[in-house]
Amino acid sequence: MSHHIKGRSRSQATLFPEVLDDFVSANNPVRVIDVFVDELDLNELGFLGVVPKDTGRPNYHPAMLLKLYLYGYLNHIQSTRRLEREANRNIELMWLTERLAPDFKTIADFRKNNSKGIKQSCRTFIGLCRRLNMFSDAVVAIDGSKFKASNNKSNNYTPKNVQTQITRVEKHISRYLAELDKRDNKEKETDNTPIEEKLTWLKARLLELRTLKTKVEAHPDKQISTVDPDSRLMKTSGNQTKVCFNLQSAVDCKHHLIVAHEVTNTSDRSQLCRMGKQAQAAVGIDEITVLADKGYFSGQDIVDAQDAGLIPLVARTDTSASDKKGIFNHSLFKYDAKKDVYICPANQDMRFRTRFTDKKLIYKTYACSVPVCRACSMRDSCTKSAQTRRIRRWEREDRIERMVSILEAKPDSMLIRKQTVEHPFGTIKFWMGATHLLTRGFKGVGTEMDLHVLAYNMKRMISIFGVSGLIKELMTKPF
């Protein structure tokens, strides 16, 4: 006799609960989705179809479709076709949608046509978190992460790879022309039709590539993506290149909630102040500390952030080429603010010499006198110039030095940044199944990331408050 647990006979009659609500436990996260969406004023948020038309076929209420999407993004189901299948077999979705099962086209159109409403829903949830005092520490970490676009690398063109393809096509044309000449020299007649057809195609392709090269060289970014025009070729981890979008996010360091996000197609540089301002507005606190890695280090951007009331703490990057040249690094020259001089490693004063402008920024140069520099015993380790070693200083360098001193007094800041901002990226990419984005263009990708962020924040709040606790807050706190 078997000692395994036995199942029930498939042919035996059973009595299922008469109420669908009995299938969904009180602590099921799906109940949070239901309460949150029901508490929203969808018409005010900008959703289409809230007020039905008097004529024509009735449409699905946007609340039901929003619930369907939130459930999907919380449970690794972002594809509209998969959502269609799940709506017909998933008991939790049957409960959530009241047994409505729209087709995939209806589901896809809802996401495409309601980008404004979805974005506002995401912001509304952040507003709820703010009213629950989730951002009292006023410290956020900012970072960017590359998400693979729905655009193959072969459909992205830069001046270099276009020229490579042109050269390859020209070689093929030359080879086929040589083959035709070789056949013409033979007495025996052969059928040249296949080669001539290939030549016709190659010449048309060559003309197409040359036209594309002109467009690429005229493009401000010097690259064109033909499938998703807004995506760009970017460097990713492991020094690889992929056609991506760069998701910028600001994450609260206390509860790891994403307070602000934005989809871009540029690098992290010059994103600090803009993301800091968005985080500032989201948490409702003027003076917040913003942590960022060295990819965000830009003097002007840091100063702009300080002027906006932020306290930026950005890891400083060393761009000096002195080490490669075998001479003293810029960091070995110490600035004396009272005397307005630099002290070189030989303990000599380097005085102000001239002022110049580079990329709209004003710099001052400092140098020792020529006789002192030439007589210095450390000259060979200091400069390769026939004149003197010169140090340049940005006119607002004191603002950067002040930030660096604060950062040095808080040595754990960069570790906190890493522990804070990397977690949401990893979670969202895991939900995506480590695949590419499903939508295209800034609008579509932005809506897709809004749903990801809203689902992520909701999951975090469920972890903090629990299902029943969050439902209580949702029903008592006015949106």
Protein backbone atom coordinates (compact mmCIF):
# COMPACT_ATOMS: atom_id res chain seq x y z
CA MET A 1 0.00 0.00 0.00
CA SER A 2 1.35 3.44 -0.97
CA HIS A 3 2.10 5.86 1.85
CA HIS A 4 2.03 8.96 -0.43
CA ILE A 5 -0.59 11.64 -0.13
CA LYS A 6 -3.37 10.83 -2.54
CA GLY A 7 -5.34 13.29 -4.64
CA ARG A 8 -9.07 13.21 -5.24
CA SER A 9 -10.68 11.53 -8.19
CA ARG A 10 -11.22 13.79 -11.19
CA SER A 11 -14.61 12.19 -11.81
CA GLN A 12 -15.86 12.83 -8.27
CA ALA A 13 -18.33 15.68 -7.83
CA THR A 14 -17.13 18.50 -5.58
CA LEU A 15 -18.74 21.53 -4.03
CA PHE A 16 -16.69 24.65 -4.75
CA PRO A 17 -17.40 27.83 -2.77
CA GLU A 18 -20.46 29.57 -4.11
CA VAL A 19 -18.82 32.99 -3.81
CA LEU A 20 -15.70 33.82 -5.81
CA ASP A 21 -14.51 36.00 -2.94
CA ASP A 22 -13.93 32.84 -0.88
CA PHE A 23 -11.07 31.86 -3.20
CA VAL A 24 -9.09 35.03 -2.36
CA SER A 25 -7.69 35.20 1.16
CA ALA A 26 -7.84 38.37 3.25
CA ASN A 27 -4.07 38.79 3.02
CA ASN A 28 -3.86 38.41 -0.74
CA PRO A 29 -2.04 41.42 -2.35
CA VAL A 30 -4.66 41.47 -5.08
CA ARG A 31 -7.00 43.13 -2.56
CA VAL A 32 -4.59 46.09 -2.30
CA ILE A 33 -4.78 46.59 -6.06
CA ASP A 34 -8.57 46.52 -5.92
CA VAL A 35 -8.84 49.10 -3.13
CA PHE A 36 -6.15 51.41 -4.57
CA VAL A 37 -7.72 51.63 -8.02
CA ASP A 38 -11.25 52.03 -6.62
CA GLU A 39 -10.06 54.98 -4.50
CA LEU A 40 -8.62 56.80 -7.56
CA ASP A 41 -10.51 59.49 -9.42
CA LEU A 42 -9.66 58.11 -12.85
CA ASN A 43 -11.40 60.88 -14.75
CA GLU A 44 -9.40 63.56 -12.94
CA LEU A 45 -6.15 61.63 -13.50
CA GLY A 46 -6.72 61.68 -17.24
CA PHE A 47 -7.96 58.17 -18.08
CA LEU A 48 -10.06 57.84 -21.22
CA GLY A 49 -13.47 56.19 -21.26
CA VAL A 50 -14.40 56.81 -17.62
CA VAL A 51 -17.61 58.51 -18.78
CA PRO A 52 -19.19 56.16 -21.33
CA LYS A 53 -20.74 57.32 -24.58
CA ASP A 54 -24.52 57.19 -25.00
CA THR A 55 -24.27 55.32 -28.31
CA GLY A 56 -22.18 52.49 -29.66
CA ARG A 57 -20.86 49.33 -28.08
CA PRO A 58 -20.11 49.60 -24.33
CA ASN A 59 -16.42 49.72 -23.46
CA TYR A 60 -14.52 48.21 -20.54
CA HIS A 61 -14.14 50.49 -17.55
CA PRO A 62 -10.54 51.78 -17.29
CA ALA A 63 -10.47 50.77 -13.60
CA MET A 64 -10.75 47.10 -14.56
CA LEU A 65 -7.97 47.37 -17.15
CA LEU A 66 -5.71 49.26 -14.74
CA LYS A 67 -6.24 46.53 -12.14
CA LEU A 68 -5.38 43.92 -14.77
CA TYR A 69 -2.11 45.67 -15.62
CA LEU A 70 -1.09 46.21 -12.00
CA TYR A 71 -1.68 42.54 -11.26
CA GLY A 72 0.39 41.60 -14.32
CA TYR A 73 3.33 43.84 -13.44
CA LEU A 74 3.28 42.58 -9.84
CA ASN A 75 3.37 38.96 -11.02
CA HIS A 76 5.88 39.02 -13.91
CA ILE A 77 3.13 39.12 -16.58
CA GLN A 78 3.65 42.19 -18.77
CA SER A 79 2.75 40.73 -22.18
CA THR A 80 -0.78 41.60 -23.30
CA ARG A 81 -1.29 38.13 -24.79
CA ARG A 82 -0.27 36.49 -21.52
CA LEU A 83 -2.61 38.82 -19.63
CA GLU A 84 -5.42 37.75 -21.94
CA ARG A 85 -4.72 34.07 -21.17
CA GLU A 86 -4.41 34.66 -17.43
CA ALA A 87 -7.71 36.56 -17.29
CA ASN A 88 -9.45 33.39 -18.50
CA ARG A 89 -7.79 30.91 -16.09
CA ASN A 90 -6.39 32.80 -13.09
CA ILE A 91 -8.80 32.80 -10.14
CA GLU A 92 -7.20 35.92 -8.61
CA LEU A 93 -7.69 37.81 -11.87
CA MET A 94 -11.24 36.51 -12.20
CA TRP A 95 -11.93 37.97 -8.77
CA LEU A 96 -10.13 41.23 -9.56
CA THR A 97 -11.77 41.83 -12.95
CA GLU A 98 -15.15 40.35 -11.93
CA ARG A 99 -14.69 37.61 -14.54
CA LEU A 100 -14.21 40.04 -17.41
CA ALA A 101 -11.60 38.85 -19.94
CA PRO A 102 -10.71 41.48 -22.57
CA ASP A 103 -8.69 40.46 -25.62
CA PHE A 104 -5.00 41.35 -25.97
CA LYS A 105 -5.67 44.21 -28.42
CA THR A 106 -8.01 45.93 -25.96
CA ILE A 107 -5.41 45.49 -23.19
CA ALA A 108 -2.61 46.86 -25.38
CA ASP A 109 -4.69 49.85 -26.53
CA PHE A 110 -5.43 50.79 -22.92
CA ARG A 111 -1.71 51.08 -22.12
CA LYS A 112 -1.04 52.98 -25.35
CA ASN A 113 -3.90 55.47 -24.97
CA ASN A 114 -3.69 56.16 -21.22
CA SER A 115 -0.06 57.12 -20.67
CA LYS A 116 -1.06 60.32 -18.86
CA GLY A 117 -3.46 58.56 -16.48
CA ILE A 118 -0.96 55.80 -15.67
CA LYS A 119 1.78 58.35 -14.93
CA GLN A 120 -0.57 60.32 -12.68
CA SER A 121 -1.54 57.10 -10.85
CA CYS A 122 2.14 56.45 -10.16
CA ARG A 123 2.54 59.98 -8.78
CA THR A 124 -0.63 59.61 -6.71
CA PHE A 125 0.81 56.55 -4.99
CA ILE A 126 4.00 58.49 -4.20
CA GLY A 127 1.81 61.23 -2.76
CA LEU A 128 0.15 58.65 -0.54
CA CYS A 129 3.57 57.47 0.66
CA ARG A 130 4.47 61.07 1.44
CA ARG A 131 1.32 61.54 3.54
CA LEU A 132 2.28 58.39 5.43
CA ASN A 133 5.62 60.06 6.35
CA MET A 134 7.69 57.52 4.44
CA PHE A 135 10.25 60.14 3.35
CA SER A 136 11.07 61.75 6.69
CA ASP A 137 14.84 61.12 6.38
CA ALA A 138 15.05 63.22 3.18
CA VAL A 139 17.95 61.22 1.72
CA VAL A 140 17.69 59.79 -1.79
CA ALA A 141 20.08 57.90 -4.04
CA ILE A 142 20.14 58.55 -7.78
CA ASP A 143 21.35 56.20 -10.48
CA GLY A 144 20.63 55.11 -14.03
CA SER A 145 20.21 51.64 -15.49
CA LYS A 146 20.18 50.53 -19.12
CA PHE A 147 17.10 48.67 -20.35
CA LYS A 148 17.38 46.92 -23.69
CA ALA A 149 15.15 48.56 -26.29
CA SER A 150 12.92 46.78 -28.78
CA ASN A 151 15.50 47.56 -31.46
CA ASN A 152 18.13 45.07 -32.62
CA LYS A 153 21.73 46.24 -32.72
CA SER A 154 21.81 45.49 -36.45
CA ASN A 155 19.10 48.15 -36.89
CA ASN A 156 21.17 50.84 -35.22
CA TYR A 157 23.50 52.83 -37.46
CA THR A 158 26.54 54.93 -36.61
CA PRO A 159 29.04 56.51 -39.04
CA LYS A 160 31.48 53.68 -38.32
CA ASN A 161 29.20 50.70 -38.88
CA VAL A 162 27.52 52.30 -41.91
CA GLN A 163 30.93 52.79 -43.51
CA THR A 164 31.80 49.17 -42.69
CA GLN A 165 28.65 47.97 -44.45
CA ILE A 166 29.32 50.24 -47.44
CA THR A 167 32.84 48.81 -47.77
CA ARG A 168 31.50 45.25 -47.55
CA VAL A 169 28.84 45.87 -50.24
CA GLU A 170 31.41 47.52 -52.53
CA LYS A 171 33.66 44.45 -52.19
CA HIS A 172 30.75 42.17 -53.13
CA ILE A 173 29.95 44.35 -56.16
CA SER A 174 33.59 44.24 -57.30
CA ARG A 175 33.69 40.45 -56.90
CA TYR A 176 30.51 39.91 -58.94
CA LEU A 177 31.70 42.32 -61.66
CA ALA A 178 34.96 40.41 -61.87
CA GLU A 179 32.97 37.16 -62.15
CA LEU A 180 30.94 38.62 -65.04
CA ASP A 181 34.13 39.72 -66.84
CA LYS A 182 35.60 36.26 -66.33
CA ARG A 183 32.52 34.63 -67.83
CA ASP A 184 32.48 37.04 -70.80
CA ASN A 185 36.04 36.00 -71.69
CA LYS A 186 34.99 32.37 -72.00
CA GLU A 187 33.67 31.13 -75.33
CA LYS A 188 30.99 28.98 -73.72
CA GLU A 189 27.87 30.98 -72.98
CA THR A 190 26.53 30.79 -69.42
CA ASP A 191 23.44 32.17 -67.70
CA ASN A 192 24.41 35.44 -65.94
CA THR A 193 20.91 36.20 -64.69
CA PRO A 194 21.52 35.21 -61.00
CA ILE A 195 24.66 37.35 -60.78
CA GLU A 196 22.98 40.31 -62.48
CA GLU A 197 20.06 40.08 -60.05
CA LYS A 198 22.44 40.08 -57.11
CA LEU A 199 24.30 43.06 -58.59
CA THR A 200 21.04 44.97 -58.97
CA TRP A 201 20.17 44.30 -55.32
CA LEU A 202 23.67 45.23 -54.10
CA LYS A 203 23.68 48.52 -56.04
CA ALA A 204 20.29 49.42 -54.58
CA ARG A 205 21.58 48.52 -51.12
CA LEU A 206 24.69 50.64 -51.67
CA LEU A 207 22.57 53.64 -52.61
CA GLU A 208 20.42 53.06 -49.51
CA LEU A 209 23.47 52.88 -47.24
CA ARG A 210 25.02 56.04 -48.69
CA THR A 211 21.75 57.91 -48.11
CA LEU A 212 21.64 56.52 -44.57
CA LYS A 213 25.26 57.61 -43.98
CA THR A 214 24.35 61.19 -44.88
CA LYS A 215 21.43 61.11 -42.42
CA VAL A 216 23.55 59.59 -39.64
CA GLU A 217 26.29 62.20 -40.02
CA ALA A 218 23.69 64.98 -39.94
CA HIS A 219 21.99 63.58 -36.82
CA PRO A 220 22.87 65.41 -33.56
CA ASP A 221 23.66 62.10 -31.81
CA LYS A 222 25.52 60.67 -34.82
CA GLN A 223 23.37 57.53 -34.76
CA ILE A 224 19.98 56.37 -35.99
CA SER A 225 17.80 53.49 -34.79
CA THR A 226 15.36 52.44 -37.49
CA VAL A 227 12.91 50.35 -35.41
CA ASP A 228 12.75 52.52 -32.28
CA PRO A 229 14.02 55.97 -33.26
CA ASP A 230 14.27 57.15 -29.64
CA SER A 231 16.61 54.35 -28.51
CA ARG A 232 20.40 54.77 -28.55
CA LEU A 233 23.49 52.56 -28.60
CA MET A 234 25.00 52.71 -25.09
CA LYS A 235 27.71 51.02 -23.09
CA THR A 236 26.43 48.50 -20.56
CA SER A 237 28.08 46.32 -17.92
CA GLY A 238 31.15 44.41 -19.08
CA ASN A 239 31.98 47.23 -21.53
CA GLN A 240 29.42 45.85 -23.99
CA THR A 241 27.19 47.98 -26.21
CA LYS A 242 23.44 47.55 -26.62
CA VAL A 243 20.60 49.61 -28.03
CA CYS A 244 18.97 50.85 -24.83
CA PHE A 245 17.05 53.40 -22.87
CA ASN A 246 18.55 54.78 -19.66
CA LEU A 247 16.11 54.77 -16.74
CA GLN A 248 16.97 57.45 -14.20
CA SER A 249 15.54 56.89 -10.72
CA ALA A 250 15.70 58.52 -7.31
CA VAL A 251 15.22 56.03 -4.46
CA ASP A 252 14.44 56.84 -0.83
CA CYS A 253 17.29 55.51 1.34
CA LYS A 254 15.05 54.58 4.29
CA HIS A 255 12.35 52.44 2.68
CA HIS A 256 13.80 51.95 -0.84
CA LEU A 257 10.77 53.48 -2.53
CA ILE A 258 11.25 54.98 -5.99
CA VAL A 259 10.23 58.60 -5.49
CA ALA A 260 11.01 59.85 -9.01
CA HIS A 261 11.99 58.33 -12.34
CA GLU A 262 12.49 59.37 -15.94
CA VAL A 263 13.34 57.56 -19.17
CA THR A 264 16.27 59.07 -21.12
CA ASN A 265 18.53 58.04 -24.00
CA THR A 266 21.67 59.81 -22.77
CA SER A 267 24.35 59.09 -20.18
CA ASP A 268 24.06 59.85 -16.45
CA ARG A 269 26.08 63.06 -16.72
CA SER A 270 24.03 66.26 -16.30
CA GLN A 271 21.07 64.30 -14.85
CA LEU A 272 21.82 65.07 -11.18
CA CYS A 273 20.05 68.39 -10.77
CA ARG A 274 16.98 67.45 -12.80
CA MET A 275 16.42 64.18 -10.94
CA GLY A 276 17.17 65.89 -7.63
CA LYS A 277 14.46 68.49 -8.29
CA GLN A 278 11.95 65.77 -9.16
CA ALA A 279 12.79 63.93 -5.93
CA GLN A 280 12.51 67.24 -4.05
CA ALA A 281 8.98 67.77 -5.36
CA ALA A 282 7.98 64.15 -4.74
CA VAL A 283 9.02 63.99 -1.07
CA GLY A 284 7.78 67.51 -0.35
CA ILE A 285 11.01 68.61 1.35
CA ASP A 286 13.14 71.45 -0.03
CA GLU A 287 16.49 70.45 1.47
CA ILE A 288 17.25 66.82 0.67
CA THR A 289 20.55 64.96 0.41
CA VAL A 290 21.19 63.37 -2.98
CA LEU A 291 23.72 60.54 -3.32
CA ALA A 292 25.19 59.67 -6.74
CA ASP A 293 28.17 57.83 -8.19
CA LYS A 294 31.02 59.32 -10.21
CA GLY A 295 29.07 59.00 -13.46
CA TYR A 296 27.06 62.04 -12.32
CA PHE A 297 30.08 64.19 -11.52
CA SER A 298 29.70 67.46 -13.40
CA GLY A 299 30.82 70.67 -11.73
CA GLN A 300 28.11 72.88 -13.20
CA ASP A 301 25.38 70.31 -12.52
CA ILE A 302 26.49 69.99 -8.89
CA VAL A 303 26.45 73.77 -8.41
CA ASP A 304 23.00 73.96 -10.03
CA ALA A 305 21.79 71.31 -7.59
CA GLN A 306 23.20 73.27 -4.65
CA ASP A 307 21.48 76.43 -5.92
CA ALA A 308 18.21 74.49 -6.01
CA GLY A 309 18.50 73.74 -2.29
CA LEU A 310 19.79 70.18 -2.67
CA ILE A 311 22.77 68.71 -0.83
CA PRO A 312 24.48 66.65 -3.54
CA LEU A 313 27.12 64.09 -2.53
CA VAL A 314 28.77 62.78 -5.68
CA ALA A 315 31.85 60.58 -5.86
CA ARG A 316 34.59 62.59 -7.56
CA THR A 317 36.22 61.17 -10.65
CA ASP A 318 39.88 61.79 -11.53
CA THR A 319 40.11 62.78 -15.19
CA SER A 320 43.74 63.88 -15.03
CA ALA A 321 46.16 62.24 -17.47
CA SER A 322 49.16 63.13 -15.29
CA ASP A 323 49.68 59.57 -14.03
CA LYS A 324 49.93 58.25 -17.58
CA LYS A 325 52.47 60.96 -18.40
CA GLY A 326 54.52 60.01 -15.34
CA ILE A 327 54.18 63.38 -13.61
CA PHE A 328 52.58 64.59 -10.38
CA ASN A 329 48.81 64.23 -10.24
CA HIS A 330 46.66 67.35 -9.88
CA SER A 331 45.53 66.13 -6.43
CA LEU A 332 49.06 66.62 -5.05
CA PHE A 333 48.80 70.39 -5.53
CA LYS A 334 47.04 71.96 -2.52
CA TYR A 335 45.04 75.17 -2.77
CA ASP A 336 45.37 77.91 -0.14
CA ALA A 337 42.16 79.92 -0.30
CA LYS A 338 43.44 82.78 1.89
CA LYS A 339 46.47 83.46 -0.31
CA ASP A 340 44.78 82.36 -3.54
CA VAL A 341 47.77 80.19 -4.44
CA TYR A 342 48.50 76.51 -5.03
CA ILE A 343 51.28 74.79 -3.10
CA CYS A 344 53.20 72.39 -5.32
CA PRO A 345 54.82 69.12 -4.05
CA ALA A 346 58.13 71.04 -3.74
CA ASN A 347 56.36 73.42 -1.32
CA GLN A 348 56.56 76.38 -3.73
CA ASP A 349 53.77 78.91 -4.30
CA MET A 350 51.98 78.75 -7.64
CA ARG A 351 50.39 82.17 -8.13
CA PHE A 352 47.47 83.29 -10.28
CA ARG A 353 48.55 83.99 -13.88
CA THR A 354 45.58 84.32 -16.21
CA ARG A 355 41.88 83.69 -16.70
CA PHE A 356 40.25 81.86 -19.64
CA THR A 357 36.93 80.36 -20.75
CA ASP A 358 36.46 76.75 -21.79
CA LYS A 359 33.03 75.37 -22.75
CA LYS A 360 31.36 78.44 -21.22
CA LEU A 361 33.09 77.86 -17.86
CA ILE A 362 35.58 80.35 -16.46
CA TYR A 363 38.94 79.01 -15.22
CA LYS A 364 41.98 80.54 -13.54
CA THR A 365 45.53 79.26 -14.12
CA TYR A 366 48.29 79.10 -11.50
CA ALA A 367 52.04 78.58 -12.00
CA CYS A 368 55.41 79.07 -10.32
CA SER A 369 57.82 81.66 -11.67
CA VAL A 370 59.96 80.30 -14.52
CA PRO A 371 63.34 80.58 -12.66
CA VAL A 372 61.98 78.79 -9.58
CA CYS A 373 60.39 76.02 -11.67
CA ARG A 374 63.53 75.42 -13.79
CA ALA A 375 65.75 75.26 -10.73
CA CYS A 376 63.44 72.80 -8.90
CA SER A 377 64.87 69.35 -8.19
CA MET A 378 61.43 67.78 -8.76
CA ARG A 379 60.92 69.37 -12.18
CA ASP A 380 61.21 66.11 -14.15
CA SER A 381 58.44 64.58 -12.00
CA CYS A 382 56.28 67.69 -12.27
CA THR A 383 56.15 68.68 -15.92
CA LYS A 384 57.33 67.76 -19.40
CA SER A 385 56.82 71.34 -20.60
CA ALA A 386 59.71 73.62 -21.50
CA GLN A 387 58.03 76.35 -19.46
CA THR A 388 56.37 75.68 -16.08
CA ARG A 389 53.71 73.38 -14.69
CA ARG A 390 50.31 75.05 -14.81
CA ILE A 391 47.26 74.22 -12.70
CA ARG A 392 43.82 75.37 -13.74
CA ARG A 393 40.99 76.00 -11.31
CA TRP A 394 37.30 76.49 -12.03
CA GLU A 395 35.93 79.70 -10.57
CA ARG A 396 33.37 77.72 -8.51
CA GLU A 397 35.75 74.99 -7.41
CA ASP A 398 35.23 75.98 -3.78
CA ARG A 399 31.63 74.71 -4.02
CA ILE A 400 32.90 71.33 -5.20
CA GLU A 401 35.56 71.20 -2.47
CA ARG A 402 32.87 71.91 0.12
CA MET A 403 30.85 68.96 -1.18
CA VAL A 404 33.93 66.70 -1.15
CA SER A 405 34.64 67.61 2.49
CA ILE A 406 31.06 66.68 3.47
CA LEU A 407 31.39 63.40 1.59
CA GLU A 408 34.68 62.60 3.34
CA ALA A 409 32.98 63.15 6.69
CA LYS A 410 30.35 60.57 5.69
CA PRO A 411 32.44 57.66 4.33
CA ASP A 412 29.47 55.26 4.22
CA SER A 413 27.50 57.44 1.80
CA MET A 414 28.54 55.63 -1.37
CA LEU A 415 27.90 52.22 0.22
CA ILE A 416 24.42 53.39 1.24
CA ARG A 417 23.86 54.65 -2.31
CA LYS A 418 24.77 51.29 -3.80
CA GLN A 419 22.65 49.31 -1.34
CA THR A 420 19.69 51.61 -1.98
CA VAL A 421 19.44 52.26 -5.68
CA GLU A 422 20.64 48.95 -7.14
CA HIS A 423 17.86 46.90 -5.50
CA PRO A 424 14.90 48.39 -7.44
CA PHE A 425 16.70 47.96 -10.78
CA GLY A 426 17.41 44.32 -10.03
CA THR A 427 13.81 43.69 -8.96
CA ILE A 428 12.28 45.32 -12.04
CA LYS A 429 14.64 43.52 -14.42
CA PHE A 430 13.82 40.24 -12.71
CA TRP A 431 10.11 40.93 -13.20
CA MET A 432 10.83 41.62 -16.87
CA GLY A 433 12.52 38.24 -17.17
CA ALA A 434 15.84 39.87 -18.17
CA THR A 435 14.40 40.60 -21.61
CA HIS A 436 13.91 43.74 -23.68
CA LEU A 437 11.26 46.44 -23.31
CA LEU A 438 7.91 45.57 -24.85
CA THR A 439 7.08 49.08 -26.07
CA ARG A 440 8.85 51.64 -28.25
CA GLY A 441 9.44 55.38 -28.16
CA PHE A 442 9.69 57.67 -25.16
CA LYS A 443 5.93 57.66 -24.64
CA GLY A 444 5.50 53.88 -24.74
CA VAL A 445 8.61 53.07 -22.74
CA GLY A 446 7.75 55.79 -20.22
CA THR A 447 4.30 54.24 -19.66
CA GLU A 448 5.83 50.78 -19.31
CA MET A 449 8.27 52.01 -16.68
CA ASP A 450 5.48 53.91 -14.87
CA LEU A 451 3.67 50.59 -14.42
CA HIS A 452 6.87 48.89 -13.26
CA VAL A 453 7.58 51.63 -10.72
CA LEU A 454 3.99 51.70 -9.44
CA ALA A 455 4.00 47.91 -9.03
CA TYR A 456 7.41 47.99 -7.31
CA ASN A 457 6.37 50.73 -4.86
CA MET A 458 3.12 48.92 -4.10
CA LYS A 459 5.01 45.72 -3.33
CA ARG A 460 7.38 47.63 -1.03
CA MET A 461 4.47 49.21 0.85
CA ILE A 462 2.81 45.81 1.24
CA SER A 463 6.06 44.51 2.74
CA ILE A 464 6.15 47.44 5.18
CA PHE A 465 2.48 47.69 6.22
CA GLY A 466 1.11 44.28 5.31
CA VAL A 467 -1.98 43.80 3.15
CA SER A 468 -4.58 44.66 5.79
CA GLY A 469 -2.55 47.58 7.14
CA LEU A 470 -2.04 49.13 3.70
CA ILE A 471 -5.70 48.67 2.80
CA LYS A 472 -6.64 50.52 5.97
CA GLU A 473 -4.32 53.40 5.09
CA LEU A 474 -5.63 53.49 1.51
CA MET A 475 -9.20 53.80 2.74
CA THR A 476 -8.51 56.40 5.43
CA LYS A 477 -5.95 58.66 3.75
CA PRO A 478 -7.50 60.97 1.12
CA PHE A 479 -5.78 60.73 -2.28
